[in-house]
């Protein structure tokens, strides 16, 4: 039931964003498809609050976004992504999480040469549709930052970073337990805006 409610909320938010895009002016609203590679890790603390060191794993992301003009050079950019995350533990085992994410970014675009320099930031919410290698909560939220360049023809690339702000550890209910797990990582995206 909780899964259905979150899914409905995410779809409703994306639909509302697309309706705003239509009202903001069809000529200036654009859409994009994008994908790329993630280098992800889990920031973890044990029962006593001591940091646990993990290694990054390689994942990927695929998705779409809309770019809605707000004022000249500034845009609202909601999206919908499938993203894989996780970490490699010190014992060699791996945690793998697959998320459906809704990033809600503000973007600044400046004309540089024949294209546009892009700088964006904003929150994201995510819902894990599969997990392995640990006890994890499905819901996640955090912040995005990215910078990139969009060519005149619509092809773009960007460097992304994400910092999870919610503890996704789904373990003990003991009040003394200071265990925590948070997503973190960065990646490279390639996309096309039309």
N, C-alpha and C. Protein backbone atom coordinates (compact mmCIF):
# COMPACT_ATOMS: atom_id res chain seq x y z
N UNK A 1 0.82 -1.19 0.00
CA UNK A 1 0.00 0.00 0.00
C UNK A 1 0.87 1.26 0.00
N UNK A 2 1.91 1.28 0.86
CA UNK A 2 2.81 2.42 0.95
C UNK A 2 3.50 2.65 -0.40
N UNK A 3 3.88 1.57 -1.09
CA UNK A 3 4.52 1.66 -2.39
C UNK A 3 3.60 2.33 -3.40
N UNK A 4 2.34 1.94 -3.42
CA UNK A 4 1.38 2.52 -4.36
C UNK A 4 1.19 4.00 -4.11
N UNK A 5 1.11 4.40 -2.85
CA UNK A 5 0.90 5.81 -2.51
C UNK A 5 2.09 6.64 -2.98
N UNK A 6 3.31 6.19 -2.71
CA UNK A 6 4.50 6.92 -3.14
C UNK A 6 4.56 7.00 -4.65
N UNK A 7 4.24 5.91 -5.34
CA UNK A 7 4.25 5.89 -6.80
C UNK A 7 3.23 6.89 -7.35
N UNK A 8 2.05 6.93 -6.77
CA UNK A 8 1.01 7.86 -7.22
C UNK A 8 1.45 9.31 -6.99
N UNK A 9 2.08 9.59 -5.85
CA UNK A 9 2.56 10.94 -5.57
C UNK A 9 3.62 11.35 -6.58
N UNK A 10 4.56 10.45 -6.88
CA UNK A 10 5.61 10.77 -7.85
C UNK A 10 5.04 11.05 -9.23
N UNK A 11 4.12 10.23 -9.68
CA UNK A 11 3.50 10.43 -11.00
C UNK A 11 2.70 11.73 -11.00
N UNK A 12 1.99 12.03 -9.92
CA UNK A 12 1.21 13.27 -9.84
C UNK A 12 2.12 14.49 -9.92
N UNK A 13 3.26 14.45 -9.22
CA UNK A 13 4.19 15.57 -9.24
C UNK A 13 4.75 15.79 -10.64
N UNK A 14 5.11 14.70 -11.33
CA UNK A 14 5.64 14.81 -12.68
C UNK A 14 4.57 15.33 -13.63
N UNK A 15 3.34 14.86 -13.49
CA UNK A 15 2.24 15.33 -14.34
C UNK A 15 1.99 16.82 -14.13
N UNK A 16 2.00 17.27 -12.88
CA UNK A 16 1.81 18.68 -12.59
C UNK A 16 2.92 19.52 -13.21
N UNK A 17 4.14 19.00 -13.16
CA UNK A 17 5.26 19.72 -13.77
C UNK A 17 5.09 19.84 -15.27
N UNK A 18 4.62 18.77 -15.90
CA UNK A 18 4.41 18.82 -17.35
C UNK A 18 3.29 19.78 -17.70
N UNK A 19 2.26 19.86 -16.88
CA UNK A 19 1.19 20.83 -17.13
C UNK A 19 1.71 22.26 -16.97
N UNK A 20 2.57 22.49 -15.98
CA UNK A 20 3.18 23.80 -15.82
C UNK A 20 4.01 24.15 -17.05
N UNK A 21 4.67 23.14 -17.60
CA UNK A 21 5.50 23.36 -18.79
C UNK A 21 4.65 23.84 -19.95
N UNK A 22 3.48 23.24 -20.13
CA UNK A 22 2.60 23.64 -21.22
C UNK A 22 2.11 25.07 -21.01
N UNK A 23 1.82 25.45 -19.79
CA UNK A 23 1.34 26.80 -19.50
C UNK A 23 2.45 27.84 -19.58
N UNK A 24 3.69 27.43 -19.38
CA UNK A 24 4.80 28.38 -19.37
C UNK A 24 5.21 28.81 -20.78
N UNK A 25 4.68 28.15 -21.79
CA UNK A 25 5.03 28.52 -23.16
C UNK A 25 5.66 27.36 -23.89
N UNK A 26 4.96 26.85 -24.87
CA UNK A 26 5.43 25.65 -25.57
C UNK A 26 6.75 25.88 -26.29
N UNK A 27 6.98 27.09 -26.78
CA UNK A 27 8.19 27.35 -27.55
C UNK A 27 9.46 27.22 -26.71
N UNK A 28 9.39 27.54 -25.43
CA UNK A 28 10.58 27.55 -24.60
C UNK A 28 10.73 26.34 -23.70
N UNK A 29 9.71 25.54 -23.57
CA UNK A 29 9.81 24.35 -22.74
C UNK A 29 10.42 23.23 -23.57
N UNK A 30 11.37 22.53 -22.97
CA UNK A 30 12.02 21.44 -23.70
C UNK A 30 12.03 20.18 -22.84
N UNK A 31 12.29 19.07 -23.49
CA UNK A 31 12.34 17.77 -22.83
C UNK A 31 13.65 17.09 -23.21
N UNK A 32 14.11 16.19 -22.35
CA UNK A 32 15.38 15.51 -22.62
C UNK A 32 15.31 14.05 -22.19
N UNK A 33 16.10 13.25 -22.87
CA UNK A 33 16.40 11.89 -22.43
C UNK A 33 17.87 11.87 -22.05
N UNK A 34 18.22 11.13 -21.01
CA UNK A 34 19.60 11.10 -20.57
C UNK A 34 19.93 9.77 -19.90
N UNK A 35 21.19 9.50 -19.85
CA UNK A 35 21.68 8.30 -19.18
C UNK A 35 23.15 8.46 -18.89
N UNK A 36 23.67 7.58 -18.06
CA UNK A 36 25.09 7.66 -17.75
C UNK A 36 25.52 6.71 -16.68
N UNK A 37 26.73 6.93 -16.22
CA UNK A 37 27.37 6.05 -15.24
C UNK A 37 27.38 6.73 -13.87
N UNK A 38 27.20 5.93 -12.82
CA UNK A 38 27.26 6.39 -11.43
C UNK A 38 28.46 5.75 -10.75
N UNK A 39 29.12 6.49 -9.89
CA UNK A 39 30.08 5.94 -8.93
C UNK A 39 29.47 6.19 -7.57
N UNK A 40 28.98 5.13 -6.93
CA UNK A 40 28.16 5.26 -5.72
C UNK A 40 28.83 4.62 -4.52
N UNK A 41 28.44 5.10 -3.35
CA UNK A 41 28.91 4.54 -2.10
C UNK A 41 27.82 4.72 -1.05
N UNK A 42 27.98 4.04 0.05
CA UNK A 42 27.09 4.19 1.19
C UNK A 42 27.91 4.70 2.37
N UNK A 43 27.54 5.86 2.89
CA UNK A 43 28.17 6.37 4.12
C UNK A 43 27.50 5.66 5.28
N UNK A 44 28.28 4.89 6.01
CA UNK A 44 27.71 4.04 7.06
C UNK A 44 28.37 4.28 8.41
N UNK A 45 27.56 4.11 9.46
CA UNK A 45 28.04 4.10 10.84
C UNK A 45 27.50 2.85 11.51
N UNK A 46 28.29 2.28 12.43
CA UNK A 46 27.87 1.07 13.12
C UNK A 46 27.02 1.40 14.35
N UNK A 47 26.70 0.39 15.11
CA UNK A 47 25.85 0.51 16.29
C UNK A 47 26.32 1.61 17.25
N UNK A 48 27.65 1.77 17.35
CA UNK A 48 28.23 2.73 18.30
C UNK A 48 28.46 4.11 17.67
N UNK A 49 28.14 4.27 16.39
CA UNK A 49 28.31 5.54 15.71
C UNK A 49 29.66 5.70 15.05
N UNK A 50 30.47 4.62 15.02
CA UNK A 50 31.77 4.67 14.36
C UNK A 50 31.61 4.49 12.86
N UNK A 51 32.41 5.25 12.08
CA UNK A 51 32.34 5.21 10.63
C UNK A 51 32.80 3.85 10.09
N UNK A 52 32.07 3.34 9.13
CA UNK A 52 32.43 2.10 8.42
C UNK A 52 32.90 2.50 7.03
N UNK A 53 34.07 2.00 6.62
CA UNK A 53 34.62 2.35 5.32
C UNK A 53 34.21 1.32 4.26
N UNK A 54 33.65 1.81 3.16
CA UNK A 54 33.26 0.98 2.03
C UNK A 54 33.94 1.48 0.77
N UNK A 55 33.88 0.68 -0.29
CA UNK A 55 34.40 1.09 -1.59
C UNK A 55 33.24 1.40 -2.52
N UNK A 56 33.50 2.28 -3.48
CA UNK A 56 32.48 2.65 -4.47
C UNK A 56 32.20 1.49 -5.41
N UNK A 57 30.99 1.49 -5.96
CA UNK A 57 30.65 0.57 -7.03
C UNK A 57 30.18 1.39 -8.23
N UNK A 58 30.23 0.77 -9.38
CA UNK A 58 29.77 1.43 -10.61
C UNK A 58 28.32 1.06 -10.85
N UNK A 59 27.50 2.04 -11.10
CA UNK A 59 26.10 1.85 -11.43
C UNK A 59 25.75 2.66 -12.66
N UNK A 60 24.46 2.85 -12.88
CA UNK A 60 24.03 3.64 -14.03
C UNK A 60 22.70 4.32 -13.73
N UNK A 61 22.35 5.26 -14.59
CA UNK A 61 21.06 5.93 -14.49
C UNK A 61 20.51 6.19 -15.90
N UNK A 62 19.19 6.15 -16.01
CA UNK A 62 18.48 6.42 -17.26
C UNK A 62 17.23 7.21 -16.91
N UNK A 63 16.86 8.16 -17.77
CA UNK A 63 15.64 8.88 -17.46
C UNK A 63 15.29 9.98 -18.43
N UNK A 64 14.36 10.80 -17.98
CA UNK A 64 13.84 11.93 -18.76
C UNK A 64 13.71 13.14 -17.84
N UNK A 65 13.68 14.33 -18.46
CA UNK A 65 13.37 15.52 -17.69
C UNK A 65 12.71 16.56 -18.58
N UNK A 66 12.09 17.52 -17.94
CA UNK A 66 11.51 18.68 -18.62
C UNK A 66 12.27 19.90 -18.15
N UNK A 67 12.40 20.88 -19.04
CA UNK A 67 13.08 22.12 -18.67
C UNK A 67 12.09 23.27 -18.90
N UNK A 68 11.63 23.86 -17.80
CA UNK A 68 10.56 24.84 -17.82
C UNK A 68 11.13 26.22 -17.51
N UNK A 69 10.96 27.19 -18.42
CA UNK A 69 11.52 28.52 -18.16
C UNK A 69 10.82 29.21 -16.99
N UNK A 70 11.62 29.88 -16.16
CA UNK A 70 11.08 30.68 -15.04
C UNK A 70 11.27 32.15 -15.37
N UNK A 71 12.51 32.56 -15.50
CA UNK A 71 12.90 33.90 -15.96
C UNK A 71 14.08 33.69 -16.90
N UNK A 72 14.50 34.70 -17.67
CA UNK A 72 15.63 34.48 -18.58
C UNK A 72 16.83 33.84 -17.88
N UNK A 73 17.33 32.78 -18.47
CA UNK A 73 18.50 32.01 -18.04
C UNK A 73 18.25 31.08 -16.85
N UNK A 74 17.05 31.09 -16.25
CA UNK A 74 16.76 30.22 -15.12
C UNK A 74 15.58 29.31 -15.45
N UNK A 75 15.70 28.03 -15.06
CA UNK A 75 14.71 27.02 -15.41
C UNK A 75 14.40 26.13 -14.21
N UNK A 76 13.20 25.58 -14.23
CA UNK A 76 12.83 24.50 -13.31
C UNK A 76 12.93 23.21 -14.10
N UNK A 77 13.62 22.21 -13.54
CA UNK A 77 13.89 20.98 -14.28
C UNK A 77 13.49 19.75 -13.46
N UNK A 78 12.23 19.36 -13.51
CA UNK A 78 11.83 18.10 -12.87
C UNK A 78 12.18 16.93 -13.78
N UNK A 79 12.39 15.78 -13.20
CA UNK A 79 12.73 14.61 -14.00
C UNK A 79 12.24 13.33 -13.36
N UNK A 80 12.47 12.25 -14.05
CA UNK A 80 12.16 10.91 -13.56
C UNK A 80 13.29 10.00 -14.00
N UNK A 81 13.97 9.37 -13.03
CA UNK A 81 15.16 8.56 -13.32
C UNK A 81 15.05 7.18 -12.70
N UNK A 82 15.66 6.20 -13.38
CA UNK A 82 15.96 4.91 -12.78
C UNK A 82 17.45 4.95 -12.49
N UNK A 83 17.85 4.67 -11.25
CA UNK A 83 19.24 4.81 -10.85
C UNK A 83 19.66 3.64 -9.96
N UNK A 84 20.86 3.10 -10.20
CA UNK A 84 21.39 2.02 -9.35
C UNK A 84 22.48 2.59 -8.44
N UNK A 85 22.46 2.14 -7.19
CA UNK A 85 23.38 2.64 -6.17
C UNK A 85 23.87 1.47 -5.32
N UNK A 86 24.72 1.77 -4.34
CA UNK A 86 25.20 0.73 -3.44
C UNK A 86 26.62 0.97 -3.00
N UNK A 87 27.28 -0.11 -2.57
CA UNK A 87 28.67 -0.04 -2.10
C UNK A 87 29.25 -1.45 -2.04
N UNK A 88 30.57 -1.51 -2.03
CA UNK A 88 31.27 -2.77 -1.82
C UNK A 88 31.81 -2.76 -0.39
N UNK A 89 31.40 -3.76 0.42
CA UNK A 89 31.82 -3.84 1.81
C UNK A 89 33.24 -4.36 1.92
N UNK A 90 33.84 -4.17 3.10
CA UNK A 90 35.23 -4.59 3.32
C UNK A 90 35.41 -6.11 3.22
N UNK A 91 34.32 -6.88 3.44
CA UNK A 91 34.43 -8.34 3.32
C UNK A 91 34.28 -8.82 1.87
N UNK A 92 34.14 -7.89 0.93
CA UNK A 92 34.02 -8.25 -0.49
C UNK A 92 32.59 -8.38 -0.99
N UNK A 93 31.62 -8.43 -0.10
CA UNK A 93 30.22 -8.50 -0.53
C UNK A 93 29.75 -7.11 -0.99
N UNK A 94 28.61 -7.08 -1.65
CA UNK A 94 28.13 -5.84 -2.26
C UNK A 94 26.69 -5.56 -1.88
N UNK A 95 26.41 -4.29 -1.62
CA UNK A 95 25.03 -3.82 -1.44
C UNK A 95 24.60 -3.19 -2.76
N UNK A 96 23.42 -3.57 -3.25
CA UNK A 96 22.91 -3.00 -4.49
C UNK A 96 21.48 -2.54 -4.27
N UNK A 97 21.22 -1.29 -4.68
CA UNK A 97 19.89 -0.69 -4.54
C UNK A 97 19.50 -0.08 -5.88
N UNK A 98 18.27 -0.30 -6.30
CA UNK A 98 17.74 0.29 -7.54
C UNK A 98 16.60 1.22 -7.17
N UNK A 99 16.68 2.46 -7.64
CA UNK A 99 15.72 3.50 -7.27
C UNK A 99 14.98 4.06 -8.48
N UNK A 100 13.75 4.46 -8.23
CA UNK A 100 13.03 5.39 -9.09
C UNK A 100 13.14 6.73 -8.38
N UNK A 101 13.70 7.73 -9.07
CA UNK A 101 13.97 9.02 -8.44
C UNK A 101 13.26 10.16 -9.16
N UNK A 102 12.89 11.15 -8.39
CA UNK A 102 12.29 12.37 -8.91
C UNK A 102 13.17 13.55 -8.49
N UNK A 103 14.10 14.00 -9.37
CA UNK A 103 14.87 15.19 -9.07
C UNK A 103 14.07 16.44 -9.41
N UNK A 104 14.18 17.47 -8.59
CA UNK A 104 13.47 18.74 -8.79
C UNK A 104 14.49 19.86 -8.74
N UNK A 105 15.15 20.11 -9.87
CA UNK A 105 16.29 21.02 -9.90
C UNK A 105 15.95 22.41 -10.42
N UNK A 106 16.68 23.40 -9.92
CA UNK A 106 16.72 24.74 -10.49
C UNK A 106 18.00 24.81 -11.32
N UNK A 107 17.89 25.35 -12.54
CA UNK A 107 19.02 25.34 -13.47
C UNK A 107 19.29 26.75 -13.98
N UNK A 108 20.57 27.12 -13.99
CA UNK A 108 21.03 28.36 -14.62
C UNK A 108 21.75 27.97 -15.90
N UNK A 109 21.40 28.63 -17.02
CA UNK A 109 22.06 28.38 -18.31
C UNK A 109 22.58 29.69 -18.87
N UNK A 110 23.87 29.71 -19.22
CA UNK A 110 24.49 30.90 -19.79
C UNK A 110 25.08 30.56 -21.15
N UNK A 111 24.88 31.43 -22.12
CA UNK A 111 25.42 31.23 -23.45
C UNK A 111 26.94 31.33 -23.41
N UNK A 112 27.61 30.26 -23.83
CA UNK A 112 29.07 30.22 -23.90
C UNK A 112 29.43 29.58 -25.23
N UNK A 113 30.02 30.33 -26.13
CA UNK A 113 30.31 29.82 -27.47
C UNK A 113 29.01 29.57 -28.21
N UNK A 114 28.90 28.39 -28.83
CA UNK A 114 27.69 28.02 -29.56
C UNK A 114 26.70 27.24 -28.71
N UNK A 115 26.98 27.08 -27.45
CA UNK A 115 26.10 26.30 -26.57
C UNK A 115 25.88 27.00 -25.24
N UNK A 116 25.48 26.21 -24.26
CA UNK A 116 25.13 26.77 -22.96
C UNK A 116 25.87 26.03 -21.84
N UNK A 117 26.47 26.81 -20.95
CA UNK A 117 26.98 26.27 -19.69
C UNK A 117 25.78 26.10 -18.77
N UNK A 118 25.70 24.97 -18.07
CA UNK A 118 24.58 24.69 -17.17
C UNK A 118 25.09 24.46 -15.75
N UNK A 119 24.38 25.01 -14.79
CA UNK A 119 24.65 24.77 -13.38
C UNK A 119 23.31 24.55 -12.70
N UNK A 120 23.16 23.42 -12.02
CA UNK A 120 21.87 23.11 -11.41
C UNK A 120 22.01 22.51 -10.03
N UNK A 121 20.94 22.65 -9.25
CA UNK A 121 20.90 22.06 -7.91
C UNK A 121 19.45 21.91 -7.50
N UNK A 122 19.22 21.05 -6.53
CA UNK A 122 17.88 20.87 -6.00
C UNK A 122 17.75 19.57 -5.25
N UNK A 123 16.57 19.33 -4.70
CA UNK A 123 16.33 18.10 -3.96
C UNK A 123 15.95 16.95 -4.88
N UNK A 124 16.03 15.75 -4.35
CA UNK A 124 15.48 14.58 -5.03
C UNK A 124 14.77 13.72 -4.00
N UNK A 125 13.79 12.98 -4.45
CA UNK A 125 13.18 11.93 -3.65
C UNK A 125 13.29 10.65 -4.45
N UNK A 126 13.48 9.55 -3.75
CA UNK A 126 13.64 8.27 -4.42
C UNK A 126 12.93 7.17 -3.67
N UNK A 127 12.59 6.13 -4.42
CA UNK A 127 11.96 4.95 -3.84
C UNK A 127 12.67 3.72 -4.38
N UNK A 128 13.21 2.90 -3.48
CA UNK A 128 13.94 1.69 -3.88
C UNK A 128 12.96 0.61 -4.33
N UNK A 129 13.14 0.16 -5.57
CA UNK A 129 12.30 -0.91 -6.09
C UNK A 129 12.95 -2.27 -5.91
N UNK A 130 14.26 -2.28 -5.60
CA UNK A 130 14.93 -3.54 -5.22
C UNK A 130 16.16 -3.21 -4.39
N UNK A 131 16.44 -4.08 -3.41
CA UNK A 131 17.62 -3.92 -2.55
C UNK A 131 18.22 -5.29 -2.28
N UNK A 132 19.54 -5.32 -2.11
CA UNK A 132 20.21 -6.54 -1.67
C UNK A 132 21.47 -6.14 -0.91
N UNK A 133 21.91 -7.01 -0.03
CA UNK A 133 23.14 -6.77 0.72
C UNK A 133 22.98 -5.96 1.98
N UNK A 134 21.75 -5.89 2.52
CA UNK A 134 21.55 -5.15 3.76
C UNK A 134 20.09 -4.90 4.03
N UNK A 135 19.84 -4.31 5.20
CA UNK A 135 18.47 -3.93 5.60
C UNK A 135 18.29 -2.45 5.31
N UNK A 136 17.55 -2.13 4.24
CA UNK A 136 17.41 -0.76 3.81
C UNK A 136 15.94 -0.35 3.73
N UNK A 137 15.66 0.89 4.12
CA UNK A 137 14.33 1.47 3.92
C UNK A 137 14.18 1.81 2.44
N UNK A 138 12.96 1.80 1.97
CA UNK A 138 12.71 2.07 0.56
C UNK A 138 12.83 3.56 0.22
N UNK A 139 12.39 4.43 1.11
CA UNK A 139 12.33 5.86 0.80
C UNK A 139 13.67 6.54 1.05
N UNK A 140 14.08 7.41 0.12
CA UNK A 140 15.32 8.17 0.26
C UNK A 140 15.07 9.60 -0.24
N UNK A 141 15.83 10.54 0.25
CA UNK A 141 15.76 11.92 -0.21
C UNK A 141 17.11 12.57 0.04
N UNK A 142 17.41 13.57 -0.77
CA UNK A 142 18.69 14.25 -0.61
C UNK A 142 18.80 15.41 -1.56
N UNK A 143 20.06 15.76 -1.90
CA UNK A 143 20.31 16.90 -2.77
C UNK A 143 21.15 16.54 -3.98
N UNK A 144 20.91 17.24 -5.08
CA UNK A 144 21.67 17.11 -6.32
C UNK A 144 22.42 18.40 -6.59
N UNK A 145 23.58 18.28 -7.22
CA UNK A 145 24.29 19.41 -7.81
C UNK A 145 24.88 18.90 -9.12
N UNK A 146 24.78 19.71 -10.18
CA UNK A 146 25.41 19.30 -11.43
C UNK A 146 25.88 20.51 -12.22
N UNK A 147 26.86 20.26 -13.09
CA UNK A 147 27.36 21.27 -14.01
C UNK A 147 27.61 20.58 -15.33
N UNK A 148 27.37 21.31 -16.43
CA UNK A 148 27.56 20.69 -17.73
C UNK A 148 27.53 21.69 -18.86
N UNK A 149 27.48 21.15 -20.07
CA UNK A 149 27.47 21.97 -21.28
C UNK A 149 26.50 21.36 -22.28
N UNK A 150 25.66 22.23 -22.86
CA UNK A 150 24.70 21.81 -23.86
C UNK A 150 25.07 22.42 -25.20
N UNK A 151 25.28 21.58 -26.21
CA UNK A 151 25.60 22.05 -27.56
C UNK A 151 24.37 22.65 -28.22
N UNK A 152 24.58 23.45 -29.25
CA UNK A 152 23.48 24.11 -29.94
C UNK A 152 22.46 23.12 -30.50
N UNK A 153 22.88 21.94 -30.89
CA UNK A 153 21.97 20.93 -31.46
C UNK A 153 21.16 20.16 -30.44
N UNK A 154 21.42 20.37 -29.13
CA UNK A 154 20.64 19.70 -28.09
C UNK A 154 21.39 18.62 -27.33
N UNK A 155 22.52 18.17 -27.86
CA UNK A 155 23.33 17.17 -27.15
C UNK A 155 23.97 17.83 -25.94
N UNK A 156 23.96 17.15 -24.78
CA UNK A 156 24.57 17.74 -23.59
C UNK A 156 25.25 16.66 -22.75
N UNK A 157 26.18 17.12 -21.93
CA UNK A 157 26.81 16.25 -20.93
C UNK A 157 26.88 17.02 -19.63
N UNK A 158 26.88 16.29 -18.53
CA UNK A 158 26.96 16.95 -17.22
C UNK A 158 27.59 16.04 -16.19
N UNK A 159 28.28 16.64 -15.24
CA UNK A 159 28.82 15.94 -14.07
C UNK A 159 27.82 16.14 -12.94
N UNK A 160 27.44 15.05 -12.29
CA UNK A 160 26.42 15.08 -11.24
C UNK A 160 27.01 14.63 -9.92
N UNK A 161 26.47 15.15 -8.84
CA UNK A 161 26.78 14.61 -7.53
C UNK A 161 25.49 14.57 -6.70
N UNK A 162 25.39 13.58 -5.85
CA UNK A 162 24.21 13.42 -4.99
C UNK A 162 24.67 13.15 -3.56
N UNK A 163 23.92 13.70 -2.63
CA UNK A 163 24.18 13.46 -1.22
C UNK A 163 22.86 13.10 -0.56
N UNK A 164 22.73 11.83 -0.15
CA UNK A 164 21.54 11.40 0.55
C UNK A 164 21.49 12.01 1.95
N UNK A 165 20.32 12.45 2.34
CA UNK A 165 20.18 13.10 3.65
C UNK A 165 19.38 12.29 4.64
N UNK A 166 18.75 11.20 4.18
CA UNK A 166 17.97 10.36 5.07
C UNK A 166 18.75 9.10 5.43
N UNK A 167 18.58 8.66 6.65
CA UNK A 167 19.14 7.38 7.09
C UNK A 167 18.27 6.28 6.52
N UNK A 168 18.83 5.48 5.61
CA UNK A 168 18.04 4.41 4.98
C UNK A 168 18.24 3.06 5.67
N UNK A 169 18.95 3.05 6.82
CA UNK A 169 19.13 1.81 7.57
C UNK A 169 17.80 1.37 8.16
N UNK A 170 17.44 0.14 7.91
CA UNK A 170 16.17 -0.41 8.41
C UNK A 170 16.48 -1.58 9.33
N UNK A 171 17.09 -1.26 10.45
CA UNK A 171 17.50 -2.32 11.37
C UNK A 171 16.85 -2.21 12.71
N UNK A 172 17.66 -2.23 13.72
CA UNK A 172 17.23 -2.28 15.11
C UNK A 172 16.39 -1.07 15.51
N UNK A 173 15.42 -1.31 16.41
CA UNK A 173 14.62 -0.24 16.99
C UNK A 173 15.14 0.16 18.38
N UNK A 174 16.31 -0.34 18.75
CA UNK A 174 16.89 -0.02 20.06
C UNK A 174 17.38 1.43 20.04
N UNK A 175 17.01 2.21 21.04
CA UNK A 175 17.32 3.65 21.03
C UNK A 175 18.82 3.93 21.08
N UNK A 176 19.61 3.02 21.66
CA UNK A 176 21.06 3.23 21.74
C UNK A 176 21.76 2.95 20.42
N UNK A 177 21.07 2.34 19.47
CA UNK A 177 21.68 1.97 18.19
C UNK A 177 21.90 3.22 17.34
N UNK A 178 23.17 3.54 17.05
CA UNK A 178 23.51 4.72 16.27
C UNK A 178 23.84 4.37 14.82
N UNK A 179 23.43 3.18 14.37
CA UNK A 179 23.70 2.76 13.00
C UNK A 179 23.02 3.70 12.01
N UNK A 180 23.72 3.97 10.91
CA UNK A 180 23.12 4.78 9.85
C UNK A 180 23.72 4.41 8.51
N UNK A 181 22.93 4.60 7.46
CA UNK A 181 23.35 4.37 6.08
C UNK A 181 22.77 5.50 5.24
N UNK A 182 23.64 6.16 4.46
CA UNK A 182 23.19 7.23 3.57
C UNK A 182 23.85 7.07 2.20
N UNK A 183 23.07 7.29 1.16
CA UNK A 183 23.58 7.23 -0.21
C UNK A 183 24.45 8.44 -0.51
N UNK A 184 25.50 8.23 -1.28
CA UNK A 184 26.32 9.31 -1.79
C UNK A 184 26.98 8.86 -3.09
N UNK A 185 27.29 9.81 -3.94
CA UNK A 185 27.95 9.42 -5.18
C UNK A 185 27.99 10.54 -6.19
N UNK A 186 28.60 10.22 -7.32
CA UNK A 186 28.64 11.17 -8.43
C UNK A 186 28.61 10.40 -9.73
N UNK A 187 28.42 11.12 -10.82
CA UNK A 187 28.33 10.43 -12.10
C UNK A 187 28.48 11.38 -13.26
N UNK A 188 28.41 10.81 -14.44
CA UNK A 188 28.51 11.53 -15.70
C UNK A 188 27.30 11.16 -16.54
N UNK A 189 26.60 12.17 -17.04
CA UNK A 189 25.41 11.96 -17.86
C UNK A 189 25.63 12.48 -19.26
N UNK A 190 25.04 11.80 -20.23
CA UNK A 190 24.99 12.23 -21.61
C UNK A 190 23.53 12.24 -22.01
N UNK A 191 23.09 13.29 -22.68
CA UNK A 191 21.67 13.36 -23.02
C UNK A 191 21.42 14.17 -24.27
N UNK A 192 20.14 14.21 -24.64
CA UNK A 192 19.72 14.98 -25.80
C UNK A 192 18.45 15.73 -25.45
N UNK A 193 18.46 17.05 -25.66
CA UNK A 193 17.32 17.90 -25.37
C UNK A 193 16.63 18.28 -26.67
N UNK A 194 15.29 18.15 -26.68
CA UNK A 194 14.52 18.46 -27.89
C UNK A 194 13.31 19.31 -27.56
